[in-house]
């Protein structure tokens, strides 16, 4: 944690390796660019049984949207999408 803070980033203790599933694709904290205040709430809200369905839904939406060859979303589009699906 000290090393991360020394680099100028905010460190957050997300728990043990056994709890790392709370940060996997489909979880509320995954790729959502949350603030330090929001991350604990998102980790606590994770539901292991919902992860695969939400992960697959996010991938399907991205493939449909980006696969048409004409869509060029802005850099925040993916974060907004994942927030809506995973939260």
PDB file of N, CA and C in Angstrom:
ATOM      1  N   UNK A   1       0.828  -1.180   0.000  1.00  0.00           N
ATOM      2  CA  UNK A   1       0.000   0.000   0.000  1.00  0.00           C
ATOM      3  C   UNK A   1       0.881   1.256   0.000  1.00  0.00           C
ATOM      4  N   UNK A   2       1.957   1.222   0.775  1.00  0.00           N
ATOM      5  CA  UNK A   2       2.841   2.382   0.839  1.00  0.00           C
ATOM      6  C   UNK A   2       3.491   2.643  -0.515  1.00  0.00           C
ATOM      7  N   UNK A   3       3.892   1.589  -1.205  1.00  0.00           N
ATOM      8  CA  UNK A   3       4.518   1.737  -2.516  1.00  0.00           C
ATOM      9  C   UNK A   3       3.548   2.390  -3.503  1.00  0.00           C
ATOM     10  N   UNK A   4       2.306   1.968  -3.486  1.00  0.00           N
ATOM     11  CA  UNK A   4       1.298   2.550  -4.378  1.00  0.00           C
ATOM     12  C   UNK A   4       1.111   4.027  -4.054  1.00  0.00           C
ATOM     13  N   UNK A   5       1.008   4.342  -2.775  1.00  0.00           N
ATOM     14  CA  UNK A   5       0.836   5.739  -2.366  1.00  0.00           C
ATOM     15  C   UNK A   5       2.040   6.595  -2.763  1.00  0.00           C
ATOM     16  N   UNK A   6       3.240   6.011  -2.682  1.00  0.00           N
ATOM     17  CA  UNK A   6       4.449   6.743  -3.071  1.00  0.00           C
ATOM     18  C   UNK A   6       4.445   7.096  -4.561  1.00  0.00           C
ATOM     19  N   UNK A   7       3.744   6.335  -5.372  1.00  0.00           N
ATOM     20  CA  UNK A   7       3.673   6.619  -6.807  1.00  0.00           C
ATOM     21  C   UNK A   7       2.633   7.686  -7.124  1.00  0.00           C
ATOM     22  N   UNK A   8       1.910   8.139  -6.090  1.00  0.00           N
ATOM     23  CA  UNK A   8       0.907   9.176  -6.298  1.00  0.00           C
ATOM     24  C   UNK A   8      -0.496   8.652  -6.520  1.00  0.00           C
ATOM     25  N   UNK A   9      -0.678   7.354  -6.411  1.00  0.00           N
ATOM     26  CA  UNK A   9      -2.004   6.761  -6.588  1.00  0.00           C
ATOM     27  C   UNK A   9      -2.643   6.502  -5.238  1.00  0.00           C
ATOM     28  N   UNK A  10      -3.946   6.328  -5.232  1.00  0.00           N
ATOM     29  CA  UNK A  10      -4.655   5.983  -4.008  1.00  0.00           C
ATOM     30  C   UNK A  10      -4.684   4.467  -3.875  1.00  0.00           C
ATOM     31  N   UNK A  11      -4.241   3.969  -2.740  1.00  0.00           N
ATOM     32  CA  UNK A  11      -4.256   2.530  -2.478  1.00  0.00           C
ATOM     33  C   UNK A  11      -5.545   2.162  -1.750  1.00  0.00           C
ATOM     34  N   UNK A  12      -6.038   0.966  -2.024  1.00  0.00           N
ATOM     35  CA  UNK A  12      -7.240   0.481  -1.344  1.00  0.00           C
ATOM     36  C   UNK A  12      -7.035  -0.990  -1.045  1.00  0.00           C
ATOM     37  N   UNK A  13      -7.192  -1.379   0.192  1.00  0.00           N
ATOM     38  CA  UNK A  13      -7.057  -2.777   0.591  1.00  0.00           C
ATOM     39  C   UNK A  13      -8.380  -3.477   0.290  1.00  0.00           C
ATOM     40  N   UNK A  14      -8.390  -4.261  -0.780  1.00  0.00           N
ATOM     41  CA  UNK A  14      -9.612  -4.935  -1.231  1.00  0.00           C
ATOM     42  C   UNK A  14      -9.785  -6.318  -0.605  1.00  0.00           C
ATOM     43  N   UNK A  15      -8.938  -6.663   0.340  1.00  0.00           N
ATOM     44  CA  UNK A  15      -9.108  -7.933   1.026  1.00  0.00           C
ATOM     45  C   UNK A  15      -8.122  -8.990   0.567  1.00  0.00           C
ATOM     46  N   UNK A  16      -8.449 -10.215   0.883  1.00  0.00           N
ATOM     47  CA  UNK A  16      -7.559 -11.347   0.625  1.00  0.00           C
ATOM     48  C   UNK A  16      -7.644 -11.826  -0.822  1.00  0.00           C
ATOM     49  N   UNK A  17      -6.717 -12.677  -1.179  1.00  0.00           N
ATOM     50  CA  UNK A  17      -6.744 -13.288  -2.504  1.00  0.00           C
ATOM     51  C   UNK A  17      -8.030 -14.094  -2.701  1.00  0.00           C
ATOM     52  N   UNK A  18      -8.503 -14.709  -1.640  1.00  0.00           N
ATOM     53  CA  UNK A  18      -9.753 -15.483  -1.720  1.00  0.00           C
ATOM     54  C   UNK A  18     -10.951 -14.596  -2.075  1.00  0.00           C
ATOM     55  N   UNK A  19     -10.872 -13.318  -1.740  1.00  0.00           N
ATOM     56  CA  UNK A  19     -11.954 -12.384  -2.065  1.00  0.00           C
ATOM     57  C   UNK A  19     -11.736 -11.629  -3.366  1.00  0.00           C
ATOM     58  N   UNK A  20     -10.687 -11.964  -4.093  1.00  0.00           N
ATOM     59  CA  UNK A  20     -10.367 -11.221  -5.316  1.00  0.00           C
ATOM     60  C   UNK A  20     -11.417 -11.384  -6.408  1.00  0.00           C
ATOM     61  N   UNK A  21     -12.281 -12.385  -6.301  1.00  0.00           N
ATOM     62  CA  UNK A  21     -13.361 -12.551  -7.280  1.00  0.00           C
ATOM     63  C   UNK A  21     -14.248 -11.307  -7.319  1.00  0.00           C
ATOM     64  N   UNK A  22     -14.254 -10.536  -6.259  1.00  0.00           N
ATOM     65  CA  UNK A  22     -15.080  -9.320  -6.202  1.00  0.00           C
ATOM     66  C   UNK A  22     -14.617  -8.247  -7.183  1.00  0.00           C
ATOM     67  N   UNK A  23     -13.463  -8.472  -7.816  1.00  0.00           N
ATOM     68  CA  UNK A  23     -12.916  -7.517  -8.782  1.00  0.00           C
ATOM     69  C   UNK A  23     -12.897  -8.083 -10.198  1.00  0.00           C
ATOM     70  N   UNK A  24     -13.489  -9.237 -10.397  1.00  0.00           N
ATOM     71  CA  UNK A  24     -13.469  -9.889 -11.704  1.00  0.00           C
ATOM     72  C   UNK A  24     -14.508  -9.279 -12.639  1.00  0.00           C
ATOM     73  N   UNK A  25     -14.379  -9.556 -13.950  1.00  0.00           N
ATOM     74  CA  UNK A  25     -15.381  -9.073 -14.900  1.00  0.00           C
ATOM     75  C   UNK A  25     -16.793  -9.466 -14.462  1.00  0.00           C
ATOM     76  N   UNK A  26     -17.697  -8.511 -14.518  1.00  0.00           N
ATOM     77  CA  UNK A  26     -19.074  -8.715 -14.097  1.00  0.00           C
ATOM     78  C   UNK A  26     -19.357  -8.170 -12.716  1.00  0.00           C
ATOM     79  N   UNK A  27     -18.318  -7.856 -11.957  1.00  0.00           N
ATOM     80  CA  UNK A  27     -18.489  -7.319 -10.607  1.00  0.00           C
ATOM     81  C   UNK A  27     -18.585  -5.788 -10.662  1.00  0.00           C
ATOM     82  N   UNK A  28     -19.285  -5.185  -9.708  1.00  0.00           N
ATOM     83  CA  UNK A  28     -19.455  -3.733  -9.723  1.00  0.00           C
ATOM     84  C   UNK A  28     -18.156  -2.926  -9.722  1.00  0.00           C
ATOM     85  N   UNK A  29     -17.080  -3.466  -9.177  1.00  0.00           N
ATOM     86  CA  UNK A  29     -15.819  -2.716  -9.117  1.00  0.00           C
ATOM     87  C   UNK A  29     -14.959  -2.907 -10.360  1.00  0.00           C
ATOM     88  N   UNK A  30     -15.319  -3.804 -11.256  1.00  0.00           N
ATOM     89  CA  UNK A  30     -14.475  -4.128 -12.409  1.00  0.00           C
ATOM     90  C   UNK A  30     -14.543  -3.046 -13.479  1.00  0.00           C
ATOM     91  N   UNK A  31     -13.408  -2.448 -13.778  1.00  0.00           N
ATOM     92  CA  UNK A  31     -13.271  -1.474 -14.880  1.00  0.00           C
ATOM     93  C   UNK A  31     -14.330  -0.370 -14.840  1.00  0.00           C
ATOM     94  N   UNK A  32     -14.593   0.147 -13.653  1.00  0.00           N
ATOM     95  CA  UNK A  32     -15.619   1.179 -13.549  1.00  0.00           C
ATOM     96  C   UNK A  32     -15.080   2.523 -13.092  1.00  0.00           C
ATOM     97  N   UNK A  33     -13.766   2.645 -12.904  1.00  0.00           N
ATOM     98  CA  UNK A  33     -13.143   3.932 -12.614  1.00  0.00           C
ATOM     99  C   UNK A  33     -13.794   4.620 -11.417  1.00  0.00           C
ATOM    100  N   UNK A  34     -13.947   3.869 -10.330  1.00  0.00           N
ATOM    101  CA  UNK A  34     -14.605   4.387  -9.140  1.00  0.00           C
ATOM    102  C   UNK A  34     -13.650   5.213  -8.292  1.00  0.00           C
ATOM    103  N   UNK A  35     -14.218   6.071  -7.481  1.00  0.00           N
ATOM    104  CA  UNK A  35     -13.420   6.839  -6.530  1.00  0.00           C
ATOM    105  C   UNK A  35     -13.065   5.953  -5.337  1.00  0.00           C
ATOM    106  N   UNK A  36     -12.144   6.414  -4.527  1.00  0.00           N
ATOM    107  CA  UNK A  36     -11.750   5.670  -3.329  1.00  0.00           C
ATOM    108  C   UNK A  36     -12.967   5.459  -2.421  1.00  0.00           C
ATOM    109  N   UNK A  37     -13.833   6.431  -2.335  1.00  0.00           N
ATOM    110  CA  UNK A  37     -15.021   6.315  -1.482  1.00  0.00           C
ATOM    111  C   UNK A  37     -16.027   5.304  -2.034  1.00  0.00           C
ATOM    112  N   UNK A  38     -16.070   5.134  -3.344  1.00  0.00           N
ATOM    113  CA  UNK A  38     -17.054   4.238  -3.974  1.00  0.00           C
ATOM    114  C   UNK A  38     -16.601   2.784  -4.054  1.00  0.00           C
ATOM    115  N   UNK A  39     -15.301   2.540  -4.042  1.00  0.00           N
ATOM    116  CA  UNK A  39     -14.797   1.194  -4.304  1.00  0.00           C
ATOM    117  C   UNK A  39     -15.219   0.180  -3.244  1.00  0.00           C
ATOM    118  N   UNK A  40     -15.202   0.547  -1.971  1.00  0.00           N
ATOM    119  CA  UNK A  40     -15.607  -0.379  -0.911  1.00  0.00           C
ATOM    120  C   UNK A  40     -17.057  -0.794  -1.047  1.00  0.00           C
ATOM    121  N   UNK A  41     -17.915   0.149  -1.384  1.00  0.00           N
ATOM    122  CA  UNK A  41     -19.341  -0.140  -1.584  1.00  0.00           C
ATOM    123  C   UNK A  41     -19.515  -1.108  -2.756  1.00  0.00           C
ATOM    124  N   UNK A  42     -18.784  -0.859  -3.829  1.00  0.00           N
ATOM    125  CA  UNK A  42     -18.879  -1.726  -5.007  1.00  0.00           C
ATOM    126  C   UNK A  42     -18.379  -3.141  -4.702  1.00  0.00           C
ATOM    127  N   UNK A  43     -17.286  -3.248  -3.976  1.00  0.00           N
ATOM    128  CA  UNK A  43     -16.766  -4.574  -3.615  1.00  0.00           C
ATOM    129  C   UNK A  43     -17.762  -5.323  -2.741  1.00  0.00           C
ATOM    130  N   UNK A  44     -18.374  -4.623  -1.809  1.00  0.00           N
ATOM    131  CA  UNK A  44     -19.364  -5.253  -0.925  1.00  0.00           C
ATOM    132  C   UNK A  44     -20.618  -5.685  -1.690  1.00  0.00           C
ATOM    133  N   UNK A  45     -20.930  -5.004  -2.778  1.00  0.00           N
ATOM    134  CA  UNK A  45     -22.131  -5.311  -3.556  1.00  0.00           C
ATOM    135  C   UNK A  45     -21.942  -6.479  -4.518  1.00  0.00           C
ATOM    136  N   UNK A  46     -20.730  -6.958  -4.669  1.00  0.00           N
ATOM    137  CA  UNK A  46     -20.463  -8.048  -5.628  1.00  0.00           C
ATOM    138  C   UNK A  46     -21.241  -9.301  -5.246  1.00  0.00           C
ATOM    139  N   UNK A  47     -21.789  -9.945  -6.252  1.00  0.00           N
ATOM    140  CA  UNK A  47     -22.548 -11.185  -6.080  1.00  0.00           C
ATOM    141  C   UNK A  47     -21.933 -12.216  -7.019  1.00  0.00           C
ATOM    142  N   UNK A  48     -21.242 -13.177  -6.462  1.00  0.00           N
ATOM    143  CA  UNK A  48     -20.478 -14.142  -7.262  1.00  0.00           C
ATOM    144  C   UNK A  48     -21.326 -14.857  -8.312  1.00  0.00           C
ATOM    145  N   UNK A  49     -22.553 -15.185  -7.978  1.00  0.00           N
ATOM    146  CA  UNK A  49     -23.427 -15.898  -8.907  1.00  0.00           C
ATOM    147  C   UNK A  49     -23.830 -15.085 -10.130  1.00  0.00           C
ATOM    148  N   UNK A  50     -23.744 -13.765 -10.031  1.00  0.00           N
ATOM    149  CA  UNK A  50     -24.149 -12.901 -11.145  1.00  0.00           C
ATOM    150  C   UNK A  50     -23.001 -12.564 -12.085  1.00  0.00           C
ATOM    151  N   UNK A  51     -21.764 -12.819 -11.677  1.00  0.00           N
ATOM    152  CA  UNK A  51     -20.614 -12.393 -12.473  1.00  0.00           C
ATOM    153  C   UNK A  51     -20.613 -12.914 -13.907  1.00  0.00           C
ATOM    154  N   UNK A  52     -20.784 -14.219 -14.136  1.00  0.00           N
ATOM    155  CA  UNK A  52     -20.705 -14.706 -15.521  1.00  0.00           C
ATOM    156  C   UNK A  52     -21.748 -14.078 -16.448  1.00  0.00           C
ATOM    157  N   UNK A  53     -22.975 -13.947 -15.977  1.00  0.00           N
ATOM    158  CA  UNK A  53     -24.035 -13.387 -16.818  1.00  0.00           C
ATOM    159  C   UNK A  53     -23.753 -11.921 -17.158  1.00  0.00           C
ATOM    160  N   UNK A  54     -23.331 -11.159 -16.177  1.00  0.00           N
ATOM    161  CA  UNK A  54     -23.047  -9.744 -16.415  1.00  0.00           C
ATOM    162  C   UNK A  54     -21.809  -9.564 -17.295  1.00  0.00           C
ATOM    163  N   UNK A  55     -20.799 -10.392 -17.073  1.00  0.00           N
ATOM    164  CA  UNK A  55     -19.588 -10.336 -17.913  1.00  0.00           C
ATOM    165  C   UNK A  55     -19.958 -10.605 -19.369  1.00  0.00           C
ATOM    166  N   UNK A  56     -20.731 -11.657 -19.594  1.00  0.00           N
ATOM    167  CA  UNK A  56     -21.111 -12.026 -20.960  1.00  0.00           C
ATOM    168  C   UNK A  56     -21.999 -10.974 -21.609  1.00  0.00           C
ATOM    169  N   UNK A  57     -22.861 -10.357 -20.835  1.00  0.00           N
ATOM    170  CA  UNK A  57     -23.717  -9.301 -21.367  1.00  0.00           C
ATOM    171  C   UNK A  57     -22.877  -8.106 -21.823  1.00  0.00           C
ATOM    172  N   UNK A  58     -21.898  -7.717 -21.002  1.00  0.00           N
ATOM    173  CA  UNK A  58     -21.013  -6.614 -21.378  1.00  0.00           C
ATOM    174  C   UNK A  58     -20.254  -6.900 -22.661  1.00  0.00           C
ATOM    175  N   UNK A  59     -19.740  -8.111 -22.783  1.00  0.00           N
ATOM    176  CA  UNK A  59     -19.003  -8.495 -23.997  1.00  0.00           C
ATOM    177  C   UNK A  59     -19.932  -8.468 -25.209  1.00  0.00           C
ATOM    178  N   UNK A  60     -21.142  -8.993 -25.050  1.00  0.00           N
ATOM    179  CA  UNK A  60     -22.089  -9.029 -26.171  1.00  0.00           C
ATOM    180  C   UNK A  60     -22.434  -7.620 -26.648  1.00  0.00           C
ATOM    181  N   UNK A  61     -22.667  -6.716 -25.717  1.00  0.00           N
ATOM    182  CA  UNK A  61     -23.002  -5.335 -26.096  1.00  0.00           C
ATOM    183  C   UNK A  61     -21.825  -4.680 -26.809  1.00  0.00           C
ATOM    184  N   UNK A  62     -20.619  -4.891 -26.292  1.00  0.00           N
ATOM    185  CA  UNK A  62     -19.442  -4.308 -26.943  1.00  0.00           C
ATOM    186  C   UNK A  62     -19.244  -4.873 -28.340  1.00  0.00           C
ATOM    187  N   UNK A  63     -19.407  -6.174 -28.494  1.00  0.00           N
ATOM    188  CA  UNK A  63     -19.244  -6.782 -29.816  1.00  0.00           C
ATOM    189  C   UNK A  63     -20.271  -6.249 -30.795  1.00  0.00           C
ATOM    190  N   UNK A  64     -21.515  -6.119 -30.347  1.00  0.00           N
ATOM    191  CA  UNK A  64     -22.560  -5.614 -31.236  1.00  0.00           C
ATOM    192  C   UNK A  64     -22.287  -4.161 -31.613  1.00  0.00           C
ATOM    193  N   UNK A  65     -21.938  -3.353 -30.636  1.00  0.00           N
ATOM    194  CA  UNK A  65     -21.737  -1.919 -30.879  1.00  0.00           C
ATOM    195  C   UNK A  65     -20.484  -1.649 -31.696  1.00  0.00           C
ATOM    196  N   UNK A  66     -19.399  -2.326 -31.364  1.00  0.00           N
ATOM    197  CA  UNK A  66     -18.131  -2.063 -32.032  1.00  0.00           C
ATOM    198  C   UNK A  66     -17.951  -2.890 -33.300  1.00  0.00           C
ATOM    199  N   UNK A  67     -18.698  -3.952 -33.430  1.00  0.00           N
ATOM    200  CA  UNK A  67     -18.533  -4.848 -34.566  1.00  0.00           C
ATOM    201  C   UNK A  67     -19.196  -4.386 -35.843  1.00  0.00           C
ATOM    202  N   UNK A  68     -19.952  -3.289 -35.799  1.00  0.00           N
ATOM    203  CA  UNK A  68     -20.644  -2.849 -37.006  1.00  0.00           C
ATOM    204  C   UNK A  68     -19.739  -2.072 -37.959  1.00  0.00           C
ATOM    205  N   UNK A  69     -18.531  -1.733 -37.499  1.00  0.00           N
ATOM    206  CA  UNK A  69     -17.579  -1.054 -38.369  1.00  0.00           C
ATOM    207  C   UNK A  69     -17.821   0.430 -38.553  1.00  0.00           C
ATOM    208  N   UNK A  70     -18.927   0.937 -38.036  1.00  0.00           N
ATOM    209  CA  UNK A  70     -19.219   2.360 -38.199  1.00  0.00           C
ATOM    210  C   UNK A  70     -19.254   3.105 -36.874  1.00  0.00           C
ATOM    211  N   UNK A  71     -19.306   2.373 -35.774  1.00  0.00           N
ATOM    212  CA  UNK A  71     -19.410   2.993 -34.460  1.00  0.00           C
ATOM    213  C   UNK A  71     -18.029   3.256 -33.888  1.00  0.00           C
ATOM    214  N   UNK A  72     -17.824   4.463 -33.412  1.00  0.00           N
ATOM    215  CA  UNK A  72     -16.565   4.827 -32.793  1.00  0.00           C
ATOM    216  C   UNK A  72     -16.869   5.595 -31.508  1.00  0.00           C
ATOM    217  N   UNK A  73     -17.201   4.858 -30.424  1.00  0.00           N
ATOM    218  CA  UNK A  73     -17.571   5.550 -29.189  1.00  0.00           C
ATOM    219  C   UNK A  73     -16.381   6.278 -28.571  1.00  0.00           C
ATOM    220  N   UNK A  74     -16.682   7.254 -27.716  1.00  0.00           N
ATOM    221  CA  UNK A  74     -15.609   7.993 -27.043  1.00  0.00           C
ATOM    222  C   UNK A  74     -14.932   7.116 -25.990  1.00  0.00           C
ATOM    223  N   UNK A  75     -13.871   7.654 -25.397  1.00  0.00           N
ATOM    224  CA  UNK A  75     -13.056   6.853 -24.481  1.00  0.00           C
ATOM    225  C   UNK A  75     -13.788   6.478 -23.199  1.00  0.00           C
ATOM    226  N   UNK A  76     -14.845   7.172 -22.840  1.00  0.00           N
ATOM    227  CA  UNK A  76     -15.587   6.858 -21.616  1.00  0.00           C
ATOM    228  C   UNK A  76     -16.754   5.899 -21.847  1.00  0.00           C
ATOM    229  N   UNK A  77     -17.032   5.566 -23.078  1.00  0.00           N
ATOM    230  CA  UNK A  77     -18.189   4.726 -23.386  1.00  0.00           C
ATOM    231  C   UNK A  77     -18.112   3.372 -22.690  1.00  0.00           C
ATOM    232  N   UNK A  78     -16.987   2.705 -22.748  1.00  0.00           N
ATOM    233  CA  UNK A  78     -16.843   1.383 -22.126  1.00  0.00           C
ATOM    234  C   UNK A  78     -17.031   1.431 -20.626  1.00  0.00           C
ATOM    235  N   UNK A  79     -16.489   2.446 -19.978  1.00  0.00           N
ATOM    236  CA  UNK A  79     -16.654   2.593 -18.526  1.00  0.00           C
ATOM    237  C   UNK A  79     -18.125   2.802 -18.193  1.00  0.00           C
ATOM    238  N   UNK A  80     -18.793   3.675 -18.932  1.00  0.00           N
ATOM    239  CA  UNK A  80     -20.218   3.922 -18.678  1.00  0.00           C
ATOM    240  C   UNK A  80     -21.042   2.653 -18.883  1.00  0.00           C
ATOM    241  N   UNK A  81     -20.741   1.910 -19.932  1.00  0.00           N
ATOM    242  CA  UNK A  81     -21.461   0.666 -20.209  1.00  0.00           C
ATOM    243  C   UNK A  81     -21.295  -0.330 -19.073  1.00  0.00           C
ATOM    244  N   UNK A  82     -20.068  -0.565 -18.648  1.00  0.00           N
ATOM    245  CA  UNK A  82     -19.806  -1.534 -17.603  1.00  0.00           C
ATOM    246  C   UNK A  82     -20.427  -1.097 -16.280  1.00  0.00           C
ATOM    247  N   UNK A  83     -20.418   0.201 -16.004  1.00  0.00           N
ATOM    248  CA  UNK A  83     -21.076   0.680 -14.790  1.00  0.00           C
ATOM    249  C   UNK A  83     -22.567   0.345 -14.807  1.00  0.00           C
ATOM    250  N   UNK A  84     -23.214   0.588 -15.923  1.00  0.00           N
ATOM    251  CA  UNK A  84     -24.650   0.318 -16.021  1.00  0.00           C
ATOM    252  C   UNK A  84     -24.944  -1.175 -15.856  1.00  0.00           C
ATOM    253  N   UNK A  85     -24.168  -2.015 -16.482  1.00  0.00           N
ATOM    254  CA  UNK A  85     -24.430  -3.455 -16.437  1.00  0.00           C
ATOM    255  C   UNK A  85     -24.062  -4.059 -15.085  1.00  0.00           C
ATOM    256  N   UNK A  86     -22.924  -3.687 -14.539  1.00  0.00           N
ATOM    257  CA  UNK A  86     -22.419  -4.358 -13.355  1.00  0.00           C
ATOM    258  C   UNK A  86     -22.925  -3.799 -12.030  1.00  0.00           C
ATOM    259  N   UNK A  87     -23.390  -2.574 -12.008  1.00  0.00           N
ATOM    260  CA  UNK A  87     -23.780  -1.975 -10.735  1.00  0.00           C
ATOM    261  C   UNK A  87     -25.106  -2.485 -10.260  1.00  0.00           C
TER     262      UNK A  87
END
